[in-house]
Amino acid sequence: MKFTVSLIALSLLFILTSCGPARVIPYETIETNETAFLVPLEGASKDAQGKFMSLDFLKESKVATKRVMIPVKKYNTGRLWMDYKWIATMRVIKVNRTPVTREWTDDAQTGTTSNDESIEVESLDSIGFKLGVNITAMIHEEDASLFLYTYAGKSLASVVDQDVRGKVLSILSREFGSRDLAKCKTEKKVIFDTARKEVGEHFKKFGVTVSNLGHSKGLTYVDKEIQDSINQAYVEEMNIQAQDKKNLAQAKINQRNIDMAKADKEAAQQFALARVARTQMVRLEIENKKADALLNLSNKWDGKYPEKMMPVNANMLYNLGK
């Protein structure tokens, strides 16, 4: 009997001292590319409910710390005192602000995905073609609450792939559709400048900043025959340009040869003239020397003739025996 009482007492003591789950405070770590909001999971007053998840509410709920401790409370799950669990009373919602870049092309090597994601439009003269688009979008820190309020539950990547792409398609279809094919080809920059401005202004109102929007690659025509004929025309034009360049190069070579021959002829003529001039100068110098010699001789003559003069053709021994 004593043993039984002791056993019952020990059991009651164990039951009385037993406890439920330990109170563990969960936390969320906020990365540098994220903005976090701490929002309640349980309703409060009617006025507070009216403000719940409004833009002003989200601005006030933004947290600046990099580690957020989430409050918890005890929630009973049974009749006994140990039948309970700890549940969070608030939730951390994070907005990833990392920029998103997309290449919407028909080429698996250049596009973001291997699928054909190019934008297909049509000109005023009903010629359909596809073109590639590259775009980059981001969320600034000060716009994170506006983005969350507008696109609650959607990532920036989803917004770009769905909402932004739809807006880009709408504007490009309108702009290319108001121009004939010739203007579509020559006014691509104007069209994309318009699209960049309109898309940027539209999505800035919802917390998304479009930092880049431009075209990628050229126009690819939906009708294969049109594309083939344009490709052929392009090849022929390139051949014509190549031949023109070849002809121009040959003409330059011919002109250079003519110029060189002309220069050689002029050089030969100058050399001949210089040679004649040198010959004349030598002759003149000889005549000058002769004149100088005669002048020098005349200066030394005393006016008397020689006493003895040899006759013309006389022997060198003339008059020696006399």
Protein backbone atom coordinates (compact mmCIF):
# COMPACT_ATOMS: atom_id res chain seq x y z
CA MET A 1 0.00 0.00 0.00
CA LYS A 2 2.82 2.37 0.90
CA PHE A 3 4.56 1.52 -2.38
CA THR A 4 1.40 2.25 -4.34
CA VAL A 5 0.86 5.57 -2.60
CA SER A 6 4.47 6.54 -3.24
CA LEU A 7 4.12 5.62 -6.89
CA ILE A 8 0.94 7.67 -7.24
CA ALA A 9 2.59 10.61 -5.48
CA LEU A 10 5.58 10.45 -7.78
CA SER A 11 3.29 10.28 -10.81
CA LEU A 12 1.30 13.29 -9.64
CA LEU A 13 4.53 15.14 -8.97
CA PHE A 14 5.77 14.34 -12.50
CA ILE A 15 2.49 15.48 -14.00
CA LEU A 16 2.46 18.67 -11.94
CA THR A 17 6.03 19.52 -12.85
CA SER A 18 5.67 18.60 -16.52
CA CYS A 19 5.61 21.44 -19.05
CA GLY A 20 4.68 22.00 -22.69
CA PRO A 21 6.89 23.06 -25.59
CA ALA A 22 9.71 25.48 -24.88
CA ARG A 23 9.20 29.11 -25.91
CA VAL A 24 11.55 29.62 -28.86
CA ILE A 25 11.62 33.06 -30.46
CA PRO A 26 11.89 32.78 -34.25
CA TYR A 27 13.74 35.43 -36.24
CA GLU A 28 14.25 36.52 -39.83
CA THR A 29 17.53 37.75 -41.31
CA ILE A 30 17.25 40.63 -43.78
CA GLU A 31 19.81 40.64 -46.60
CA THR A 32 21.29 43.83 -48.04
CA ASN A 33 19.22 43.49 -51.22
CA GLU A 34 15.95 43.12 -49.28
CA THR A 35 13.50 45.45 -47.57
CA ALA A 36 11.42 43.94 -44.75
CA PHE A 37 8.03 44.77 -43.28
CA LEU A 38 6.76 43.47 -39.93
CA VAL A 39 2.96 43.11 -40.06
CA PRO A 40 0.52 41.69 -37.48
CA LEU A 41 -1.25 38.38 -38.10
CA GLU A 42 -4.16 39.11 -35.79
CA GLY A 43 -6.81 41.78 -36.17
CA ALA A 44 -7.15 44.71 -33.82
CA SER A 45 -9.72 47.48 -33.70
CA LYS A 46 -12.01 48.38 -36.60
CA ASP A 47 -10.04 51.56 -37.31
CA ALA A 48 -6.79 49.61 -37.33
CA GLN A 49 -8.31 47.03 -39.70
CA GLY A 50 -9.22 49.81 -42.12
CA LYS A 51 -5.60 50.91 -42.22
CA PHE A 52 -4.24 47.36 -42.40
CA MET A 53 -1.95 46.78 -45.43
CA SER A 54 -2.52 50.28 -46.76
CA LEU A 55 0.40 52.19 -48.23
CA ASP A 56 0.81 54.29 -45.10
CA PHE A 57 0.62 51.16 -42.97
CA LEU A 58 3.40 49.50 -44.97
CA LYS A 59 5.60 52.58 -44.72
CA GLU A 60 5.21 52.52 -40.93
CA SER A 61 5.82 48.76 -40.80
CA LYS A 62 9.19 48.90 -42.55
CA VAL A 63 12.00 47.59 -40.34
CA ALA A 64 15.53 48.92 -40.45
CA THR A 65 17.30 46.14 -38.56
CA LYS A 66 18.99 43.22 -40.28
CA ARG A 67 17.62 40.63 -37.85
CA VAL A 68 13.96 40.73 -36.80
CA MET A 69 12.71 38.89 -33.70
CA ILE A 70 9.12 37.70 -34.24
CA PRO A 71 6.77 37.88 -31.20
CA VAL A 72 4.96 34.65 -30.21
CA LYS A 73 2.10 33.73 -27.91
CA LYS A 74 0.82 30.55 -26.27
CA TYR A 75 -1.99 28.77 -28.10
CA ASN A 76 -3.91 26.04 -26.22
CA THR A 77 -4.40 22.80 -28.12
CA GLY A 78 -6.03 20.57 -25.44
CA ARG A 79 -7.55 20.31 -21.97
CA LEU A 80 -4.37 19.88 -19.99
CA TRP A 81 -2.06 22.68 -19.10
CA MET A 82 0.76 21.24 -21.21
CA ASP A 83 -1.43 21.05 -24.33
CA TYR A 84 -0.32 24.20 -26.10
CA LYS A 85 2.07 25.53 -28.69
CA TRP A 86 3.76 28.81 -29.50
CA ILE A 87 2.51 30.70 -32.55
CA ALA A 88 3.81 33.88 -34.18
CA THR A 89 1.69 37.00 -33.79
CA MET A 90 3.48 38.92 -36.54
CA ARG A 91 4.89 38.12 -39.97
CA VAL A 92 7.92 39.40 -41.83
CA ILE A 93 7.30 40.20 -45.51
CA LYS A 94 10.45 40.77 -47.57
CA VAL A 95 10.79 42.55 -50.91
CA ASN A 96 13.77 41.48 -53.02
CA ARG A 97 15.11 44.63 -54.71
CA THR A 98 17.72 42.84 -56.87
CA PRO A 99 17.62 44.19 -60.47
CA VAL A 100 16.04 41.87 -63.05
CA THR A 101 17.32 41.77 -66.64
CA ARG A 102 15.55 40.08 -69.52
CA GLU A 103 16.58 39.35 -73.12
CA TRP A 104 13.42 38.60 -75.05
CA THR A 105 14.74 37.11 -78.30
CA ASP A 106 14.05 34.16 -80.58
CA ASP A 107 17.55 32.78 -80.10
CA ALA A 108 18.41 30.36 -77.31
CA GLN A 109 22.01 31.60 -77.38
CA THR A 110 21.11 35.24 -76.67
CA GLY A 111 17.75 35.05 -74.89
CA THR A 112 17.14 34.73 -71.16
CA THR A 113 15.53 31.35 -71.84
CA SER A 114 15.72 28.85 -74.70
CA ASN A 115 12.17 29.70 -75.78
CA ASP A 116 11.21 32.14 -78.51
CA GLU A 117 10.39 35.21 -76.39
CA SER A 118 10.81 37.85 -79.10
CA ILE A 119 8.19 40.58 -79.48
CA GLU A 120 6.03 40.08 -82.59
CA VAL A 121 4.47 43.18 -84.17
CA GLU A 122 3.11 44.29 -87.55
CA SER A 123 3.82 47.31 -89.73
CA LEU A 124 1.21 49.65 -91.21
CA ASP A 125 1.42 47.74 -94.51
CA SER A 126 0.62 44.46 -92.68
CA ILE A 127 4.10 42.95 -92.74
CA GLY A 128 4.69 40.96 -89.57
CA PHE A 129 8.10 40.73 -87.96
CA LYS A 130 9.76 39.89 -84.67
CA LEU A 131 12.39 41.81 -82.80
CA GLY A 132 14.42 41.28 -79.67
CA VAL A 133 14.07 43.43 -76.56
CA ASN A 134 16.41 43.83 -73.61
CA ILE A 135 15.18 45.37 -70.38
CA THR A 136 16.41 45.94 -66.84
CA ALA A 137 14.16 46.83 -63.89
CA MET A 138 14.79 47.36 -60.19
CA ILE A 139 13.14 48.50 -56.96
CA HIS A 140 14.64 51.42 -55.06
CA GLU A 141 14.64 51.24 -51.29
CA GLU A 142 12.19 54.12 -50.96
CA ASP A 143 9.78 52.43 -53.42
CA ALA A 144 9.67 49.02 -51.71
CA SER A 145 6.46 49.76 -49.76
CA LEU A 146 4.73 51.03 -52.94
CA PHE A 147 5.78 47.88 -54.81
CA LEU A 148 4.51 45.60 -52.02
CA TYR A 149 1.23 47.50 -51.83
CA THR A 150 0.73 47.20 -55.62
CA TYR A 151 2.07 43.71 -56.28
CA ALA A 152 1.54 41.92 -52.96
CA GLY A 153 2.73 38.35 -53.37
CA LYS A 154 4.52 38.89 -56.72
CA SER A 155 8.26 39.04 -57.25
CA LEU A 156 9.95 41.66 -59.39
CA ALA A 157 10.83 38.94 -61.92
CA SER A 158 7.14 38.01 -62.27
CA VAL A 159 6.15 41.65 -62.69
CA VAL A 160 8.74 42.11 -65.44
CA ASP A 161 7.79 38.89 -67.26
CA GLN A 162 4.06 39.60 -67.12
CA ASP A 163 3.07 43.22 -66.49
CA VAL A 164 6.07 45.01 -67.97
CA ARG A 165 6.27 42.73 -71.00
CA GLY A 166 2.59 43.30 -71.70
CA LYS A 167 3.05 47.07 -71.59
CA VAL A 168 6.12 46.89 -73.86
CA LEU A 169 4.21 44.77 -76.37
CA SER A 170 1.29 47.21 -76.36
CA ILE A 171 3.48 50.26 -77.04
CA LEU A 172 5.65 48.60 -79.69
CA SER A 173 2.59 47.27 -81.49
CA ARG A 174 1.11 50.76 -81.55
CA GLU A 175 4.28 52.48 -82.72
CA PHE A 176 5.33 49.98 -85.40
CA GLY A 177 1.71 49.62 -86.52
CA SER A 178 1.54 53.32 -87.33
CA ARG A 179 4.56 53.17 -89.70
CA ASP A 180 5.23 51.45 -93.00
CA LEU A 181 8.03 48.91 -93.21
CA ALA A 182 10.62 51.41 -94.45
CA LYS A 183 10.02 53.72 -91.46
CA CYS A 184 9.90 50.75 -89.09
CA LYS A 185 13.46 49.92 -90.13
CA THR A 186 14.81 53.48 -89.98
CA GLU A 187 12.94 54.75 -86.89
CA LYS A 188 13.64 51.92 -84.42
CA LYS A 189 15.54 54.26 -82.12
CA VAL A 190 12.67 56.76 -82.05
CA ILE A 191 10.18 53.98 -81.32
CA PHE A 192 12.23 52.52 -78.48
CA ASP A 193 12.90 55.95 -77.00
CA THR A 194 9.13 56.41 -76.84
CA ALA A 195 8.63 52.95 -75.31
CA ARG A 196 11.36 53.53 -72.72
CA LYS A 197 9.79 56.81 -71.63
CA GLU A 198 6.22 55.51 -71.40
CA VAL A 199 7.11 52.23 -69.71
CA GLY A 200 9.38 53.99 -67.22
CA GLU A 201 6.79 56.60 -66.26
CA HIS A 202 3.99 54.02 -65.98
CA PHE A 203 5.73 51.54 -63.69
CA LYS A 204 7.46 54.18 -61.56
CA LYS A 205 4.00 54.91 -60.15
CA PHE A 206 3.92 51.33 -58.86
CA GLY A 207 7.41 51.20 -57.35
CA VAL A 208 9.30 49.69 -60.31
CA THR A 209 12.17 51.59 -61.93
CA VAL A 210 12.93 50.62 -65.54
CA SER A 211 16.57 51.57 -66.01
CA ASN A 212 16.99 50.19 -69.54
CA LEU A 213 14.79 49.28 -72.48
CA GLY A 214 16.24 48.77 -75.94
CA HIS A 215 16.13 46.58 -79.02
CA SER A 216 18.27 43.51 -79.55
CA LYS A 217 19.29 42.18 -82.98
CA GLY A 218 17.41 43.25 -86.11
CA LEU A 219 13.96 42.65 -87.55
CA THR A 220 13.12 39.02 -88.33
CA TYR A 221 10.18 38.70 -90.70
CA VAL A 222 7.46 36.21 -89.90
CA ASP A 223 6.97 35.35 -93.58
CA LYS A 224 10.00 33.23 -94.50
CA GLU A 225 9.84 34.26 -98.17
CA ILE A 226 10.11 37.93 -97.20
CA GLN A 227 13.04 37.17 -94.93
CA ASP A 228 14.76 35.10 -97.64
CA SER A 229 14.29 37.83 -100.25
CA ILE A 230 15.59 40.47 -97.86
CA ASN A 231 18.57 38.27 -97.02
CA GLN A 232 19.24 37.78 -100.75
CA ALA A 233 18.93 41.50 -101.41
CA TYR A 234 21.31 42.13 -98.54
CA VAL A 235 23.85 39.65 -99.97
CA GLU A 236 23.58 41.26 -103.41
CA GLU A 237 24.00 44.72 -101.92
CA MET A 238 27.06 43.53 -100.04
CA ASN A 239 28.48 42.08 -103.25
CA ILE A 240 27.87 45.37 -105.06
CA GLN A 241 29.52 47.30 -102.27
CA ALA A 242 32.44 44.86 -102.28
CA GLN A 243 32.85 45.26 -106.05
CA ASP A 244 32.61 49.05 -105.74
CA LYS A 245 35.30 48.98 -103.09
CA LYS A 246 37.43 46.73 -105.28
CA ASN A 247 36.99 49.07 -108.26
CA LEU A 248 37.78 52.06 -106.10
CA ALA A 249 40.89 50.35 -104.78
CA GLN A 250 42.03 49.49 -108.34
CA ALA A 251 41.38 53.06 -109.47
CA LYS A 252 43.49 54.33 -106.59
CA ILE A 253 46.27 51.89 -107.54
CA ASN A 254 46.12 53.01 -111.17
CA GLN A 255 46.21 56.66 -110.20
CA ARG A 256 49.12 55.98 -107.88
CA ASN A 257 51.01 54.30 -110.72
CA ILE A 258 50.28 57.27 -113.00
CA ASP A 259 51.42 59.68 -110.32
CA MET A 260 54.59 57.65 -109.77
CA ALA A 261 55.35 57.55 -113.51
CA LYS A 262 54.74 61.28 -113.75
CA ALA A 263 56.97 61.87 -110.78
CA ASP A 264 59.70 59.68 -112.31
CA LYS A 265 59.46 61.61 -115.59
CA GLU A 266 59.67 64.94 -113.80
CA ALA A 267 62.62 63.68 -111.78
CA ALA A 268 64.40 62.55 -114.96
CA GLN A 269 63.76 65.92 -116.57
CA GLN A 270 65.04 67.72 -113.52
CA PHE A 271 68.11 65.47 -113.50
CA ALA A 272 68.80 66.22 -117.21
CA LEU A 273 68.39 69.93 -116.66
CA ALA A 274 70.67 69.75 -113.66
CA ARG A 275 73.27 67.85 -115.72
CA VAL A 276 73.18 70.45 -118.49
CA ALA A 277 73.45 73.17 -115.91
CA ARG A 278 76.45 71.47 -114.31
CA THR A 279 78.15 71.09 -117.73
CA GLN A 280 77.60 74.75 -118.49
CA MET A 281 78.93 75.68 -115.08
CA VAL A 282 82.09 73.61 -115.67
CA ARG A 283 82.63 75.21 -119.06
CA LEU A 284 82.06 78.63 -117.61
CA GLU A 285 84.48 77.86 -114.83
CA ILE A 286 87.12 76.79 -117.42
CA GLU A 287 86.59 79.96 -119.41
CA ASN A 288 86.86 81.98 -116.24
CA LYS A 289 90.12 80.27 -115.36
CA LYS A 290 91.47 80.95 -118.83
CA ALA A 291 90.47 84.56 -118.56
CA ASP A 292 92.09 84.76 -115.14
CA ALA A 293 95.28 83.24 -116.54
CA LEU A 294 95.43 85.74 -119.42
CA LEU A 295 94.71 88.55 -117.04
CA ASN A 296 97.48 87.39 -114.73
CA LEU A 297 99.87 87.12 -117.67
CA SER A 298 99.03 90.54 -118.95
CA ASN A 299 99.62 91.99 -115.54
CA LYS A 300 103.14 90.51 -115.50
CA TRP A 301 104.11 91.68 -119.07
CA ASP A 302 106.45 94.66 -119.13
CA GLY A 303 105.57 95.67 -122.68
CA LYS A 304 108.71 94.23 -124.31
CA TYR A 305 108.71 91.41 -126.76
CA PRO A 306 111.18 88.53 -126.39
CA GLU A 307 114.54 89.05 -128.08
CA LYS A 308 114.62 85.63 -129.53
CA MET A 309 111.59 83.90 -130.87
CA MET A 310 111.41 80.53 -132.53
CA PRO A 311 109.95 80.38 -135.96
CA VAL A 312 106.94 78.34 -136.49
CA ASN A 313 107.77 74.63 -136.80
CA ALA A 314 111.41 75.30 -135.80
CA ASN A 315 113.59 72.53 -134.39
CA MET A 316 114.17 72.53 -130.67
CA LEU A 317 118.00 72.85 -131.38
CA TYR A 318 117.53 75.90 -133.53
CA ASN A 319 120.36 78.44 -133.44
CA LEU A 320 122.46 76.47 -130.92
CA GLY A 321 125.72 76.50 -132.97
CA LYS A 322 125.88 80.19 -133.47
